[in-house]
Amino acid sequence: MKPAHSPALLIMALAVPLVTACAAIDTGPHPLKEGWHQVRVEQIAPGTDIHQSAFRDCRDGLSEDQLASHQFAVLSYPHLRSRHTVILPVADGAALVPGEVFEAQVNNCQPIAMPEHP
């Protein structure tokens, strides 16, 4: 007896909901594919006072004097089934607060100047 539905039709029927679900996740004003994520501020401190590792650490290559004299933000964001952490520089005069949630570009080491709230 011949199956009622072809395998190709079955694959398409399963793939459409998956593609639409993934497209619905990216609802912010900035595309995820460009490195924008909704992040949470975990810590703000001089670079010398942050003692944790991160997926991206913008302190790499800086001198002890540069680390001590600049503020850095430890930011976390969901990625697949885990949380990634990044350490980014904070621009002079920026007022970040631990626990604050906003959108940030996490693929480069540009200083965070003004949080972009979702």
C-alpha atoms as a PDB file:
ATOM      1  CA  MET A   1       0.000   0.000   0.000  1.00  0.00           C
ATOM      2  CA  LYS A   2       1.305   3.448  -0.966  1.00  0.00           C
ATOM      3  CA  PRO A   3       1.734   6.101   1.814  1.00  0.00           C
ATOM      4  CA  ALA A   4      -0.874   8.875   1.825  1.00  0.00           C
ATOM      5  CA  HIS A   5       1.743  11.658   1.928  1.00  0.00           C
ATOM      6  CA  SER A   6       5.124  11.933   0.278  1.00  0.00           C
ATOM      7  CA  PRO A   7       8.222  12.338   2.507  1.00  0.00           C
ATOM      8  CA  ALA A   8       8.955  15.761   0.939  1.00  0.00           C
ATOM      9  CA  LEU A   9       5.509  17.039   1.898  1.00  0.00           C
ATOM     10  CA  LEU A  10       5.980  15.755   5.437  1.00  0.00           C
ATOM     11  CA  ILE A  11       9.383  17.483   5.758  1.00  0.00           C
ATOM     12  CA  MET A  12       7.913  20.774   4.523  1.00  0.00           C
ATOM     13  CA  ALA A  13       5.022  20.499   6.963  1.00  0.00           C
ATOM     14  CA  LEU A  14       7.481  20.111   9.829  1.00  0.00           C
ATOM     15  CA  ALA A  15       9.945  22.761   8.613  1.00  0.00           C
ATOM     16  CA  VAL A  16       7.491  25.652   8.213  1.00  0.00           C
ATOM     17  CA  PRO A  17       6.611  25.944  11.925  1.00  0.00           C
ATOM     18  CA  LEU A  18      10.288  25.735  12.880  1.00  0.00           C
ATOM     19  CA  VAL A  19      11.306  28.514  10.482  1.00  0.00           C
ATOM     20  CA  THR A  20       8.433  30.745  11.572  1.00  0.00           C
ATOM     21  CA  ALA A  21       9.199  30.160  15.251  1.00  0.00           C
ATOM     22  CA  CYS A  22      12.822  31.186  14.763  1.00  0.00           C
ATOM     23  CA  ALA A  23      11.832  34.282  12.820  1.00  0.00           C
ATOM     24  CA  ALA A  24       9.443  35.325  15.595  1.00  0.00           C
ATOM     25  CA  ILE A  25      12.231  35.282  18.209  1.00  0.00           C
ATOM     26  CA  ASP A  26      14.059  38.281  16.677  1.00  0.00           C
ATOM     27  CA  THR A  27      11.544  40.975  17.656  1.00  0.00           C
ATOM     28  CA  GLY A  28      13.896  43.804  18.671  1.00  0.00           C
ATOM     29  CA  PRO A  29      14.784  46.842  16.568  1.00  0.00           C
ATOM     30  CA  HIS A  30      18.271  45.421  15.845  1.00  0.00           C
ATOM     31  CA  PRO A  31      18.911  42.122  14.051  1.00  0.00           C
ATOM     32  CA  LEU A  32      20.409  39.211  15.985  1.00  0.00           C
ATOM     33  CA  LYS A  33      22.473  38.308  12.935  1.00  0.00           C
ATOM     34  CA  GLU A  34      24.409  41.562  13.409  1.00  0.00           C
ATOM     35  CA  GLY A  35      25.277  40.648  16.975  1.00  0.00           C
ATOM     36  CA  TRP A  36      22.523  42.508  18.834  1.00  0.00           C
ATOM     37  CA  HIS A  37      21.132  40.752  21.895  1.00  0.00           C
ATOM     38  CA  GLN A  38      18.946  41.650  24.816  1.00  0.00           C
ATOM     39  CA  VAL A  39      21.496  41.755  27.643  1.00  0.00           C
ATOM     40  CA  ARG A  40      21.334  42.050  31.419  1.00  0.00           C
ATOM     41  CA  VAL A  41      23.940  44.021  33.367  1.00  0.00           C
ATOM     42  CA  GLU A  42      25.527  41.708  35.926  1.00  0.00           C
ATOM     43  CA  GLN A  43      28.340  43.967  37.173  1.00  0.00           C
ATOM     44  CA  ILE A  44      29.945  47.372  36.527  1.00  0.00           C
ATOM     45  CA  ALA A  45      33.515  47.780  37.763  1.00  0.00           C
ATOM     46  CA  PRO A  46      37.038  48.776  36.808  1.00  0.00           C
ATOM     47  CA  GLY A  47      38.607  46.089  34.629  1.00  0.00           C
ATOM     48  CA  THR A  48      40.934  44.998  37.434  1.00  0.00           C
ATOM     49  CA  ASP A  49      37.983  44.249  39.751  1.00  0.00           C
ATOM     50  CA  ILE A  50      36.215  41.776  37.431  1.00  0.00           C
ATOM     51  CA  HIS A  51      37.359  38.226  38.146  1.00  0.00           C
ATOM     52  CA  GLN A  52      35.419  36.037  35.760  1.00  0.00           C
ATOM     53  CA  SER A  53      35.848  34.644  32.299  1.00  0.00           C
ATOM     54  CA  ALA A  54      33.560  35.542  29.419  1.00  0.00           C
ATOM     55  CA  PHE A  55      32.628  34.440  25.907  1.00  0.00           C
ATOM     56  CA  ARG A  56      34.013  37.816  24.710  1.00  0.00           C
ATOM     57  CA  ASP A  57      36.342  39.774  26.979  1.00  0.00           C
ATOM     58  CA  CYS A  58      37.278  43.247  25.731  1.00  0.00           C
ATOM     59  CA  ARG A  59      39.892  43.618  28.476  1.00  0.00           C
ATOM     60  CA  ASP A  60      42.258  41.313  26.590  1.00  0.00           C
ATOM     61  CA  GLY A  61      45.479  43.079  25.653  1.00  0.00           C
ATOM     62  CA  LEU A  62      44.998  46.113  27.927  1.00  0.00           C
ATOM     63  CA  SER A  63      47.619  47.187  30.460  1.00  0.00           C
ATOM     64  CA  GLU A  64      46.989  47.125  34.228  1.00  0.00           C
ATOM     65  CA  ASP A  65      46.752  50.945  34.188  1.00  0.00           C
ATOM     66  CA  GLN A  66      44.121  50.882  31.412  1.00  0.00           C
ATOM     67  CA  LEU A  67      42.135  48.200  33.231  1.00  0.00           C
ATOM     68  CA  ALA A  68      42.233  50.111  36.522  1.00  0.00           C
ATOM     69  CA  SER A  69      41.211  53.427  34.988  1.00  0.00           C
ATOM     70  CA  HIS A  70      38.261  52.254  32.852  1.00  0.00           C
ATOM     71  CA  GLN A  71      34.846  50.887  33.771  1.00  0.00           C
ATOM     72  CA  PHE A  72      33.665  47.637  32.208  1.00  0.00           C
ATOM     73  CA  ALA A  73      30.262  45.966  32.150  1.00  0.00           C
ATOM     74  CA  VAL A  74      29.712  42.256  32.626  1.00  0.00           C
ATOM     75  CA  LEU A  75      26.668  41.508  30.467  1.00  0.00           C
ATOM     76  CA  SER A  76      24.804  38.227  30.050  1.00  0.00           C
ATOM     77  CA  TYR A  77      22.354  37.128  27.378  1.00  0.00           C
ATOM     78  CA  PRO A  78      20.567  33.909  26.444  1.00  0.00           C
ATOM     79  CA  HIS A  79      22.105  31.901  23.633  1.00  0.00           C
ATOM     80  CA  LEU A  80      20.431  28.650  22.621  1.00  0.00           C
ATOM     81  CA  ARG A  81      20.019  26.777  25.928  1.00  0.00           C
ATOM     82  CA  SER A  82      22.666  28.611  27.939  1.00  0.00           C
ATOM     83  CA  ARG A  83      23.737  32.133  28.885  1.00  0.00           C
ATOM     84  CA  HIS A  84      26.739  33.809  27.362  1.00  0.00           C
ATOM     85  CA  THR A  85      28.698  36.466  29.190  1.00  0.00           C
ATOM     86  CA  VAL A  86      30.601  39.350  27.614  1.00  0.00           C
ATOM     87  CA  ILE A  87      32.761  42.033  29.192  1.00  0.00           C
ATOM     88  CA  LEU A  88      32.499  45.324  27.311  1.00  0.00           C
ATOM     89  CA  PRO A  89      33.927  48.787  28.046  1.00  0.00           C
ATOM     90  CA  VAL A  90      31.563  51.445  29.371  1.00  0.00           C
ATOM     91  CA  ALA A  91      31.764  54.902  27.799  1.00  0.00           C
ATOM     92  CA  ASP A  92      32.594  57.808  30.098  1.00  0.00           C
ATOM     93  CA  GLY A  93      29.403  59.231  31.555  1.00  0.00           C
ATOM     94  CA  ALA A  94      27.230  56.206  30.754  1.00  0.00           C
ATOM     95  CA  ALA A  95      24.928  55.279  33.631  1.00  0.00           C
ATOM     96  CA  LEU A  96      24.439  51.521  33.658  1.00  0.00           C
ATOM     97  CA  VAL A  97      22.773  49.811  36.600  1.00  0.00           C
ATOM     98  CA  PRO A  98      23.175  46.151  37.614  1.00  0.00           C
ATOM     99  CA  GLY A  99      20.004  44.270  36.701  1.00  0.00           C
ATOM    100  CA  GLU A 100      19.189  46.675  33.851  1.00  0.00           C
ATOM    101  CA  VAL A 101      18.073  45.003  30.602  1.00  0.00           C
ATOM    102  CA  PHE A 102      18.669  46.556  27.195  1.00  0.00           C
ATOM    103  CA  GLU A 103      19.809  45.731  23.668  1.00  0.00           C
ATOM    104  CA  ALA A 104      23.533  45.820  22.936  1.00  0.00           C
ATOM    105  CA  GLN A 105      25.855  44.841  20.110  1.00  0.00           C
ATOM    106  CA  VAL A 106      28.029  42.114  21.638  1.00  0.00           C
ATOM    107  CA  ASN A 107      30.198  41.207  18.635  1.00  0.00           C
ATOM    108  CA  ASN A 108      32.635  44.095  19.011  1.00  0.00           C
ATOM    109  CA  CYS A 109      34.374  46.021  21.764  1.00  0.00           C
ATOM    110  CA  GLN A 110      32.809  49.434  21.189  1.00  0.00           C
ATOM    111  CA  PRO A 111      32.112  51.204  24.503  1.00  0.00           C
ATOM    112  CA  ILE A 112      28.504  51.088  25.646  1.00  0.00           C
ATOM    113  CA  ALA A 113      27.369  54.695  25.648  1.00  0.00           C
ATOM    114  CA  MET A 114      23.600  54.732  25.892  1.00  0.00           C
ATOM    115  CA  PRO A 115      21.555  51.573  26.500  1.00  0.00           C
ATOM    116  CA  GLU A 116      18.917  50.856  23.864  1.00  0.00           C
ATOM    117  CA  HIS A 117      15.854  49.616  25.735  1.00  0.00           C
ATOM    118  CA  PRO A 118      13.547  47.159  23.978  1.00  0.00           C
END
